[in-house]
């Protein structure tokens, strides 16, 4: 069995601030493993579900009621616990914008 190398998340998702706890997918992401930051010791993130381009994915665990940061600003609050790598959208986010 051949193991595929994980993709670099920075090449397929964008964050603009160190405060961000979500990234926006630039392309459709397939479930699997990704390298979060090749300069930070190859930290890994597992995306457990396919995520469409334009949707957000959690870069860390986010607790119910915690603020969600995108581009350095709070865009809403989590309406449930969100695991690292999961899609963040209207089903688990109360928008503040």
PDB file of N, CA and C in Angstrom:
ATOM      1  N   UNK A   1       0.845  -1.183   0.000  1.00  0.00           N
ATOM      2  CA  UNK A   1       0.000   0.000   0.000  1.00  0.00           C
ATOM      3  C   UNK A   1       0.890   1.246   0.000  1.00  0.00           C
ATOM      4  N   UNK A   2       0.618   2.185  -0.888  1.00  0.00           N
ATOM      5  CA  UNK A   2       1.389   3.414  -0.988  1.00  0.00           C
ATOM      6  C   UNK A   2       0.712   4.497  -0.164  1.00  0.00           C
ATOM      7  N   UNK A   3       1.469   5.123   0.735  1.00  0.00           N
ATOM      8  CA  UNK A   3       0.932   6.209   1.555  1.00  0.00           C
ATOM      9  C   UNK A   3       1.124   7.525   0.803  1.00  0.00           C
ATOM     10  N   UNK A   4       0.067   8.308   0.691  1.00  0.00           N
ATOM     11  CA  UNK A   4       0.171   9.612   0.057  1.00  0.00           C
ATOM     12  C   UNK A   4       0.725  10.619   1.046  1.00  0.00           C
ATOM     13  N   UNK A   5       1.521  11.550   0.550  1.00  0.00           N
ATOM     14  CA  UNK A   5       2.022  12.631   1.385  1.00  0.00           C
ATOM     15  C   UNK A   5       0.865  13.585   1.683  1.00  0.00           C
ATOM     16  N   UNK A   6       0.774  14.077   2.903  1.00  0.00           N
ATOM     17  CA  UNK A   6      -0.284  15.051   3.207  1.00  0.00           C
ATOM     18  C   UNK A   6      -0.053  16.346   2.443  1.00  0.00           C
ATOM     19  N   UNK A   7      -1.136  16.987   2.079  1.00  0.00           N
ATOM     20  CA  UNK A   7      -1.050  18.272   1.382  1.00  0.00           C
ATOM     21  C   UNK A   7      -0.759  19.379   2.384  1.00  0.00           C
ATOM     22  N   UNK A   8      -0.122  20.428   1.900  1.00  0.00           N
ATOM     23  CA  UNK A   8       0.132  21.604   2.719  1.00  0.00           C
ATOM     24  C   UNK A   8      -1.142  22.442   2.730  1.00  0.00           C
ATOM     25  N   UNK A   9      -1.743  22.612   3.897  1.00  0.00           N
ATOM     26  CA  UNK A   9      -3.004  23.343   4.012  1.00  0.00           C
ATOM     27  C   UNK A   9      -2.864  24.782   3.525  1.00  0.00           C
ATOM     28  N   UNK A  10      -1.692  25.378   3.689  1.00  0.00           N
ATOM     29  CA  UNK A  10      -1.485  26.767   3.261  1.00  0.00           C
ATOM     30  C   UNK A  10      -1.648  26.928   1.749  1.00  0.00           C
ATOM     31  N   UNK A  11      -1.533  25.839   1.009  1.00  0.00           N
ATOM     32  CA  UNK A  11      -1.702  25.904  -0.442  1.00  0.00           C
ATOM     33  C   UNK A  11      -3.163  25.745  -0.866  1.00  0.00           C
ATOM     34  N   UNK A  12      -4.029  25.348   0.077  1.00  0.00           N
ATOM     35  CA  UNK A  12      -5.421  25.120  -0.299  1.00  0.00           C
ATOM     36  C   UNK A  12      -6.424  25.786   0.632  1.00  0.00           C
ATOM     37  N   UNK A  13      -5.930  26.550   1.611  1.00  0.00           N
ATOM     38  CA  UNK A  13      -6.821  27.295   2.511  1.00  0.00           C
ATOM     39  C   UNK A  13      -6.088  28.552   2.961  1.00  0.00           C
ATOM     40  N   UNK A  14      -6.855  29.556   3.381  1.00  0.00           N
ATOM     41  CA  UNK A  14      -6.246  30.838   3.723  1.00  0.00           C
ATOM     42  C   UNK A  14      -6.667  31.307   5.115  1.00  0.00           C
ATOM     43  N   UNK A  15      -5.695  31.859   5.828  1.00  0.00           N
ATOM     44  CA  UNK A  15      -5.934  32.617   7.053  1.00  0.00           C
ATOM     45  C   UNK A  15      -5.139  33.902   6.902  1.00  0.00           C
ATOM     46  N   UNK A  16      -5.616  34.978   7.516  1.00  0.00           N
ATOM     47  CA  UNK A  16      -4.922  36.258   7.400  1.00  0.00           C
ATOM     48  C   UNK A  16      -4.407  36.780   8.724  1.00  0.00           C
ATOM     49  N   UNK A  17      -4.706  36.095   9.803  1.00  0.00           N
ATOM     50  CA  UNK A  17      -4.307  36.578  11.117  1.00  0.00           C
ATOM     51  C   UNK A  17      -3.905  35.410  12.011  1.00  0.00           C
ATOM     52  N   UNK A  18      -2.970  35.667  12.895  1.00  0.00           N
ATOM     53  CA  UNK A  18      -2.587  34.663  13.883  1.00  0.00           C
ATOM     54  C   UNK A  18      -3.732  34.373  14.853  1.00  0.00           C
ATOM     55  N   UNK A  19      -4.716  35.248  14.929  1.00  0.00           N
ATOM     56  CA  UNK A  19      -5.868  35.054  15.815  1.00  0.00           C
ATOM     57  C   UNK A  19      -6.874  34.065  15.235  1.00  0.00           C
ATOM     58  N   UNK A  20      -6.838  33.857  13.923  1.00  0.00           N
ATOM     59  CA  UNK A  20      -7.841  33.022  13.253  1.00  0.00           C
ATOM     60  C   UNK A  20      -7.855  31.610  13.825  1.00  0.00           C
ATOM     61  N   UNK A  21      -9.060  31.114  14.101  1.00  0.00           N
ATOM     62  CA  UNK A  21      -9.189  29.716  14.500  1.00  0.00           C
ATOM     63  C   UNK A  21      -9.938  28.915  13.431  1.00  0.00           C
ATOM     64  N   UNK A  22     -10.171  29.563  12.288  1.00  0.00           N
ATOM     65  CA  UNK A  22     -10.690  28.880  11.105  1.00  0.00           C
ATOM     66  C   UNK A  22      -9.870  29.328   9.896  1.00  0.00           C
ATOM     67  N   UNK A  23      -9.852  28.474   8.891  1.00  0.00           N
ATOM     68  CA  UNK A  23      -9.253  28.806   7.600  1.00  0.00           C
ATOM     69  C   UNK A  23     -10.353  28.660   6.555  1.00  0.00           C
ATOM     70  N   UNK A  24     -10.252  29.412   5.470  1.00  0.00           N
ATOM     71  CA  UNK A  24     -11.221  29.317   4.393  1.00  0.00           C
ATOM     72  C   UNK A  24     -10.624  28.472   3.272  1.00  0.00           C
ATOM     73  N   UNK A  25     -11.321  27.416   2.893  1.00  0.00           N
ATOM     74  CA  UNK A  25     -10.847  26.533   1.829  1.00  0.00           C
ATOM     75  C   UNK A  25     -10.866  27.274   0.498  1.00  0.00           C
ATOM     76  N   UNK A  26      -9.745  27.236  -0.204  1.00  0.00           N
ATOM     77  CA  UNK A  26      -9.647  27.858  -1.529  1.00  0.00           C
ATOM     78  C   UNK A  26     -10.069  26.891  -2.631  1.00  0.00           C
ATOM     79  N   UNK A  27     -10.011  25.619  -2.321  1.00  0.00           N
ATOM     80  CA  UNK A  27     -10.392  24.547  -3.237  1.00  0.00           C
ATOM     81  C   UNK A  27     -11.206  23.531  -2.429  1.00  0.00           C
ATOM     82  N   UNK A  28     -11.867  22.629  -3.113  1.00  0.00           N
ATOM     83  CA  UNK A  28     -12.536  21.545  -2.409  1.00  0.00           C
ATOM     84  C   UNK A  28     -11.478  20.706  -1.689  1.00  0.00           C
ATOM     85  N   UNK A  29     -11.686  20.465  -0.402  1.00  0.00           N
ATOM     86  CA  UNK A  29     -10.760  19.652   0.382  1.00  0.00           C
ATOM     87  C   UNK A  29     -11.365  18.264   0.569  1.00  0.00           C
ATOM     88  N   UNK A  30     -10.580  17.261   0.298  1.00  0.00           N
ATOM     89  CA  UNK A  30     -11.010  15.886   0.541  1.00  0.00           C
ATOM     90  C   UNK A  30     -10.644  15.505   1.966  1.00  0.00           C
ATOM     91  N   UNK A  31     -11.455  14.661   2.564  1.00  0.00           N
ATOM     92  CA  UNK A  31     -11.147  14.162   3.902  1.00  0.00           C
ATOM     93  C   UNK A  31      -9.759  13.523   3.872  1.00  0.00           C
ATOM     94  N   UNK A  32      -8.977  13.811   4.903  1.00  0.00           N
ATOM     95  CA  UNK A  32      -7.630  13.254   4.979  1.00  0.00           C
ATOM     96  C   UNK A  32      -6.732  14.119   5.828  1.00  0.00           C
ATOM     97  N   UNK A  33      -5.432  13.864   5.712  1.00  0.00           N
ATOM     98  CA  UNK A  33      -4.448  14.584   6.512  1.00  0.00           C
ATOM     99  C   UNK A  33      -3.809  15.717   5.722  1.00  0.00           C
ATOM    100  N   UNK A  34      -3.577  16.825   6.418  1.00  0.00           N
ATOM    101  CA  UNK A  34      -2.946  17.995   5.830  1.00  0.00           C
ATOM    102  C   UNK A  34      -1.871  18.503   6.774  1.00  0.00           C
ATOM    103  N   UNK A  35      -0.848  19.138   6.209  1.00  0.00           N
ATOM    104  CA  UNK A  35       0.177  19.794   7.010  1.00  0.00           C
ATOM    105  C   UNK A  35      -0.326  21.199   7.281  1.00  0.00           C
ATOM    106  N   UNK A  36      -0.428  21.572   8.565  1.00  0.00           N
ATOM    107  CA  UNK A  36      -0.928  22.901   8.925  1.00  0.00           C
ATOM    108  C   UNK A  36       0.057  23.990   8.557  1.00  0.00           C
ATOM    109  N   UNK A  37       1.306  23.793   8.926  1.00  0.00           N
ATOM    110  CA  UNK A  37       2.309  24.833   8.703  1.00  0.00           C
ATOM    111  C   UNK A  37       3.660  24.164   8.586  1.00  0.00           C
ATOM    112  N   UNK A  38       4.195  24.127   7.391  1.00  0.00           N
ATOM    113  CA  UNK A  38       5.451  23.418   7.172  1.00  0.00           C
ATOM    114  C   UNK A  38       6.605  24.052   7.944  1.00  0.00           C
ATOM    115  N   UNK A  39       6.465  25.304   8.370  1.00  0.00           N
ATOM    116  CA  UNK A  39       7.514  25.969   9.141  1.00  0.00           C
ATOM    117  C   UNK A  39       7.381  25.706  10.635  1.00  0.00           C
ATOM    118  N   UNK A  40       6.320  25.036  11.046  1.00  0.00           N
ATOM    119  CA  UNK A  40       6.064  24.824  12.475  1.00  0.00           C
ATOM    120  C   UNK A  40       6.159  23.343  12.835  1.00  0.00           C
ATOM    121  N   UNK A  41       7.185  22.687  12.330  1.00  0.00           N
ATOM    122  CA  UNK A  41       7.406  21.304  12.707  1.00  0.00           C
ATOM    123  C   UNK A  41       6.412  20.323  12.118  1.00  0.00           C
ATOM    124  N   UNK A  42       5.862  20.624  10.951  1.00  0.00           N
ATOM    125  CA  UNK A  42       4.953  19.714  10.261  1.00  0.00           C
ATOM    126  C   UNK A  42       3.726  19.355  11.093  1.00  0.00           C
ATOM    127  N   UNK A  43       3.165  20.310  11.819  1.00  0.00           N
ATOM    128  CA  UNK A  43       1.937  20.053  12.573  1.00  0.00           C
ATOM    129  C   UNK A  43       0.867  19.552  11.617  1.00  0.00           C
ATOM    130  N   UNK A  44       0.129  18.538  12.041  1.00  0.00           N
ATOM    131  CA  UNK A  44      -0.863  17.913  11.171  1.00  0.00           C
ATOM    132  C   UNK A  44      -2.280  18.248  11.622  1.00  0.00           C
ATOM    133  N   UNK A  45      -3.161  18.249  10.659  1.00  0.00           N
ATOM    134  CA  UNK A  45      -4.589  18.377  10.933  1.00  0.00           C
ATOM    135  C   UNK A  45      -5.293  17.324  10.093  1.00  0.00           C
ATOM    136  N   UNK A  46      -6.229  16.631  10.694  1.00  0.00           N
ATOM    137  CA  UNK A  46      -7.028  15.658   9.961  1.00  0.00           C
ATOM    138  C   UNK A  46      -8.383  16.278   9.664  1.00  0.00           C
ATOM    139  N   UNK A  47      -8.712  16.343   8.392  1.00  0.00           N
ATOM    140  CA  UNK A  47     -10.014  16.837   7.947  1.00  0.00           C
ATOM    141  C   UNK A  47     -10.903  15.602   7.817  1.00  0.00           C
ATOM    142  N   UNK A  48     -11.880  15.426   8.738  1.00  0.00           N
ATOM    143  CA  UNK A  48     -12.648  14.187   8.758  1.00  0.00           C
ATOM    144  C   UNK A  48     -13.758  14.101   7.709  1.00  0.00           C
ATOM    145  N   UNK A  49     -14.006  15.200   7.027  1.00  0.00           N
ATOM    146  CA  UNK A  49     -15.100  15.230   6.053  1.00  0.00           C
ATOM    147  C   UNK A  49     -14.673  16.107   4.883  1.00  0.00           C
ATOM    148  N   UNK A  50     -15.252  15.869   3.718  1.00  0.00           N
ATOM    149  CA  UNK A  50     -14.979  16.737   2.573  1.00  0.00           C
ATOM    150  C   UNK A  50     -15.509  18.132   2.882  1.00  0.00           C
ATOM    151  N   UNK A  51     -14.744  19.149   2.481  1.00  0.00           N
ATOM    152  CA  UNK A  51     -15.144  20.537   2.706  1.00  0.00           C
ATOM    153  C   UNK A  51     -15.057  21.261   1.366  1.00  0.00           C
ATOM    154  N   UNK A  52     -16.144  21.898   0.980  1.00  0.00           N
ATOM    155  CA  UNK A  52     -16.213  22.609  -0.299  1.00  0.00           C
ATOM    156  C   UNK A  52     -15.424  23.919  -0.251  1.00  0.00           C
ATOM    157  N   UNK A  53     -14.921  24.338  -1.400  1.00  0.00           N
ATOM    158  CA  UNK A  53     -14.235  25.622  -1.528  1.00  0.00           C
ATOM    159  C   UNK A  53     -15.151  26.726  -1.018  1.00  0.00           C
ATOM    160  N   UNK A  54     -14.573  27.669  -0.275  1.00  0.00           N
ATOM    161  CA  UNK A  54     -15.325  28.791   0.274  1.00  0.00           C
ATOM    162  C   UNK A  54     -15.835  28.543   1.681  1.00  0.00           C
ATOM    163  N   UNK A  55     -15.854  27.294   2.093  1.00  0.00           N
ATOM    164  CA  UNK A  55     -16.286  26.968   3.447  1.00  0.00           C
ATOM    165  C   UNK A  55     -15.094  27.044   4.397  1.00  0.00           C
ATOM    166  N   UNK A  56     -15.396  27.111   5.687  1.00  0.00           N
ATOM    167  CA  UNK A  56     -14.357  27.248   6.715  1.00  0.00           C
ATOM    168  C   UNK A  56     -14.112  25.905   7.382  1.00  0.00           C
ATOM    169  N   UNK A  57     -12.858  25.715   7.850  1.00  0.00           N
ATOM    170  CA  UNK A  57     -12.544  24.552   8.659  1.00  0.00           C
ATOM    171  C   UNK A  57     -11.859  25.005   9.929  1.00  0.00           C
ATOM    172  N   UNK A  58     -12.130  24.307  11.009  1.00  0.00           N
ATOM    173  CA  UNK A  58     -11.569  24.654  12.319  1.00  0.00           C
ATOM    174  C   UNK A  58     -10.088  24.282  12.362  1.00  0.00           C
ATOM    175  N   UNK A  59      -9.257  25.234  12.791  1.00  0.00           N
ATOM    176  CA  UNK A  59      -7.821  24.994  12.926  1.00  0.00           C
ATOM    177  C   UNK A  59      -7.466  24.453  14.303  1.00  0.00           C
ATOM    178  N   UNK A  60      -8.416  24.519  15.217  1.00  0.00           N
ATOM    179  CA  UNK A  60      -8.235  23.990  16.571  1.00  0.00           C
ATOM    180  C   UNK A  60      -9.620  23.608  17.072  1.00  0.00           C
ATOM    181  N   UNK A  61      -9.668  22.910  18.200  1.00  0.00           N
ATOM    182  CA  UNK A  61     -10.962  22.629  18.804  1.00  0.00           C
ATOM    183  C   UNK A  61     -11.589  23.948  19.248  1.00  0.00           C
ATOM    184  N   UNK A  62     -12.885  24.095  18.990  1.00  0.00           N
ATOM    185  CA  UNK A  62     -13.623  25.305  19.354  1.00  0.00           C
ATOM    186  C   UNK A  62     -14.805  24.862  20.210  1.00  0.00           C
ATOM    187  N   UNK A  63     -14.910  25.407  21.404  1.00  0.00           N
ATOM    188  CA  UNK A  63     -15.982  25.014  22.318  1.00  0.00           C
ATOM    189  C   UNK A  63     -17.291  25.725  22.027  1.00  0.00           C
ATOM    190  N   UNK A  64     -18.370  25.114  22.458  1.00  0.00           N
ATOM    191  CA  UNK A  64     -19.695  25.713  22.328  1.00  0.00           C
ATOM    192  C   UNK A  64     -19.682  27.093  22.986  1.00  0.00           C
ATOM    193  N   UNK A  65     -20.087  28.123  22.250  1.00  0.00           N
ATOM    194  CA  UNK A  65     -20.123  29.492  22.761  1.00  0.00           C
ATOM    195  C   UNK A  65     -18.842  30.274  22.537  1.00  0.00           C
ATOM    196  N   UNK A  66     -17.785  29.605  22.088  1.00  0.00           N
ATOM    197  CA  UNK A  66     -16.512  30.301  21.843  1.00  0.00           C
ATOM    198  C   UNK A  66     -16.603  31.159  20.589  1.00  0.00           C
ATOM    199  N   UNK A  67     -15.862  32.269  20.561  1.00  0.00           N
ATOM    200  CA  UNK A  67     -15.841  33.103  19.362  1.00  0.00           C
ATOM    201  C   UNK A  67     -15.094  32.411  18.231  1.00  0.00           C
ATOM    202  N   UNK A  68     -15.533  32.687  17.024  1.00  0.00           N
ATOM    203  CA  UNK A  68     -14.869  32.177  15.823  1.00  0.00           C
ATOM    204  C   UNK A  68     -14.229  33.359  15.121  1.00  0.00           C
ATOM    205  N   UNK A  69     -12.912  33.257  14.930  1.00  0.00           N
ATOM    206  CA  UNK A  69     -12.125  34.329  14.330  1.00  0.00           C
ATOM    207  C   UNK A  69     -11.780  33.994  12.886  1.00  0.00           C
ATOM    208  N   UNK A  70     -12.066  34.939  12.001  1.00  0.00           N
ATOM    209  CA  UNK A  70     -11.700  34.839  10.584  1.00  0.00           C
ATOM    210  C   UNK A  70     -11.147  36.198  10.186  1.00  0.00           C
ATOM    211  N   UNK A  71      -9.984  36.190   9.567  1.00  0.00           N
ATOM    212  CA  UNK A  71      -9.303  37.427   9.154  1.00  0.00           C
ATOM    213  C   UNK A  71      -9.037  38.343  10.346  1.00  0.00           C
ATOM    214  N   UNK A  72      -8.879  37.739  11.552  1.00  0.00           N
ATOM    215  CA  UNK A  72      -8.551  38.502  12.751  1.00  0.00           C
ATOM    216  C   UNK A  72      -9.739  39.086  13.484  1.00  0.00           C
ATOM    217  N   UNK A  73     -10.945  38.859  12.981  1.00  0.00           N
ATOM    218  CA  UNK A  73     -12.150  39.427  13.587  1.00  0.00           C
ATOM    219  C   UNK A  73     -13.110  38.315  13.993  1.00  0.00           C
ATOM    220  N   UNK A  74     -13.897  38.574  15.036  1.00  0.00           N
ATOM    221  CA  UNK A  74     -14.931  37.626  15.435  1.00  0.00           C
ATOM    222  C   UNK A  74     -16.052  37.700  14.403  1.00  0.00           C
ATOM    223  N   UNK A  75     -16.351  36.544  13.804  1.00  0.00           N
ATOM    224  CA  UNK A  75     -17.438  36.492  12.822  1.00  0.00           C
ATOM    225  C   UNK A  75     -18.673  35.818  13.390  1.00  0.00           C
ATOM    226  N   UNK A  76     -18.535  35.245  14.585  1.00  0.00           N
ATOM    227  CA  UNK A  76     -19.677  34.587  15.203  1.00  0.00           C
ATOM    228  C   UNK A  76     -19.259  33.734  16.378  1.00  0.00           C
ATOM    229  N   UNK A  77     -20.226  32.979  16.885  1.00  0.00           N
ATOM    230  CA  UNK A  77     -20.001  32.094  18.024  1.00  0.00           C
ATOM    231  C   UNK A  77     -20.365  30.671  17.640  1.00  0.00           C
ATOM    232  N   UNK A  78     -19.608  29.724  18.163  1.00  0.00           N
ATOM    233  CA  UNK A  78     -19.909  28.315  17.931  1.00  0.00           C
ATOM    234  C   UNK A  78     -21.193  27.952  18.665  1.00  0.00           C
ATOM    235  N   UNK A  79     -22.086  27.248  17.999  1.00  0.00           N
ATOM    236  CA  UNK A  79     -23.339  26.813  18.617  1.00  0.00           C
ATOM    237  C   UNK A  79     -23.251  25.390  19.152  1.00  0.00           C
ATOM    238  N   UNK A  80     -22.080  24.779  18.986  1.00  0.00           N
ATOM    239  CA  UNK A  80     -21.803  23.441  19.507  1.00  0.00           C
ATOM    240  C   UNK A  80     -20.285  23.281  19.529  1.00  0.00           C
ATOM    241  N   UNK A  81     -19.807  22.241  20.179  1.00  0.00           N
ATOM    242  CA  UNK A  81     -18.377  21.963  20.138  1.00  0.00           C
ATOM    243  C   UNK A  81     -17.999  21.591  18.710  1.00  0.00           C
ATOM    244  N   UNK A  82     -16.898  22.160  18.231  1.00  0.00           N
ATOM    245  CA  UNK A  82     -16.419  21.900  16.877  1.00  0.00           C
ATOM    246  C   UNK A  82     -15.010  21.337  16.991  1.00  0.00           C
ATOM    247  N   UNK A  83     -14.803  20.150  16.448  1.00  0.00           N
ATOM    248  CA  UNK A  83     -13.483  19.528  16.502  1.00  0.00           C
ATOM    249  C   UNK A  83     -12.553  20.105  15.436  1.00  0.00           C
ATOM    250  N   UNK A  84     -11.292  20.154  15.754  1.00  0.00           N
ATOM    251  CA  UNK A  84     -10.244  20.576  14.823  1.00  0.00           C
ATOM    252  C   UNK A  84     -10.396  19.801  13.517  1.00  0.00           C
ATOM    253  N   UNK A  85     -10.399  20.533  12.400  1.00  0.00           N
ATOM    254  CA  UNK A  85     -10.504  19.927  11.082  1.00  0.00           C
ATOM    255  C   UNK A  85     -11.902  19.865  10.522  1.00  0.00           C
ATOM    256  N   UNK A  86     -12.919  20.088  11.352  1.00  0.00           N
ATOM    257  CA  UNK A  86     -14.307  19.989  10.894  1.00  0.00           C
ATOM    258  C   UNK A  86     -14.761  21.270  10.197  1.00  0.00           C
ATOM    259  N   UNK A  87     -15.773  21.119   9.385  1.00  0.00           N
ATOM    260  CA  UNK A  87     -16.364  22.249   8.674  1.00  0.00           C
ATOM    261  C   UNK A  87     -17.059  23.179   9.670  1.00  0.00           C
ATOM    262  N   UNK A  88     -16.885  24.477   9.457  1.00  0.00           N
ATOM    263  CA  UNK A  88     -17.551  25.499  10.265  1.00  0.00           C
ATOM    264  C   UNK A  88     -18.453  26.278   9.315  1.00  0.00           C
ATOM    265  N   UNK A  89     -19.768  26.214   9.579  1.00  0.00           N
ATOM    266  CA  UNK A  89     -20.737  26.867   8.700  1.00  0.00           C
ATOM    267  C   UNK A  89     -22.006  27.126   9.511  1.00  0.00           C
ATOM    268  N   UNK A  90     -23.097  27.441   8.861  1.00  0.00           N
ATOM    269  CA  UNK A  90     -24.321  27.838   9.551  1.00  0.00           C
ATOM    270  C   UNK A  90     -24.891  26.758  10.460  1.00  0.00           C
ATOM    271  N   UNK A  91     -24.509  25.507  10.284  1.00  0.00           N
ATOM    272  CA  UNK A  91     -25.026  24.433  11.132  1.00  0.00           C
ATOM    273  C   UNK A  91     -24.372  24.427  12.521  1.00  0.00           C
ATOM    274  N   UNK A  92     -23.248  25.134  12.679  1.00  0.00           N
ATOM    275  CA  UNK A  92     -22.566  25.152  13.983  1.00  0.00           C
ATOM    276  C   UNK A  92     -21.984  26.526  14.319  1.00  0.00           C
ATOM    277  N   UNK A  93     -22.480  27.566  13.654  1.00  0.00           N
ATOM    278  CA  UNK A  93     -21.985  28.935  13.827  1.00  0.00           C
ATOM    279  C   UNK A  93     -23.161  29.909  13.844  1.00  0.00           C
ATOM    280  N   UNK A  94     -23.221  30.732  14.882  1.00  0.00           N
ATOM    281  CA  UNK A  94     -24.187  31.829  14.937  1.00  0.00           C
ATOM    282  C   UNK A  94     -23.443  33.068  14.469  1.00  0.00           C
ATOM    283  N   UNK A  95     -23.816  33.591  13.321  1.00  0.00           N
ATOM    284  CA  UNK A  95     -23.103  34.706  12.705  1.00  0.00           C
ATOM    285  C   UNK A  95     -23.231  35.983  13.518  1.00  0.00           C
ATOM    286  N   UNK A  96     -22.129  36.728  13.554  1.00  0.00           N
ATOM    287  CA  UNK A  96     -22.119  38.039  14.213  1.00  0.00           C
ATOM    288  C   UNK A  96     -21.942  39.141  13.183  1.00  0.00           C
ATOM    289  N   UNK A  97     -22.009  38.789  11.905  1.00  0.00           N
ATOM    290  CA  UNK A  97     -21.849  39.794  10.846  1.00  0.00           C
ATOM    291  C   UNK A  97     -23.109  39.934  10.036  1.00  0.00           C
TER     292      UNK A  97
END
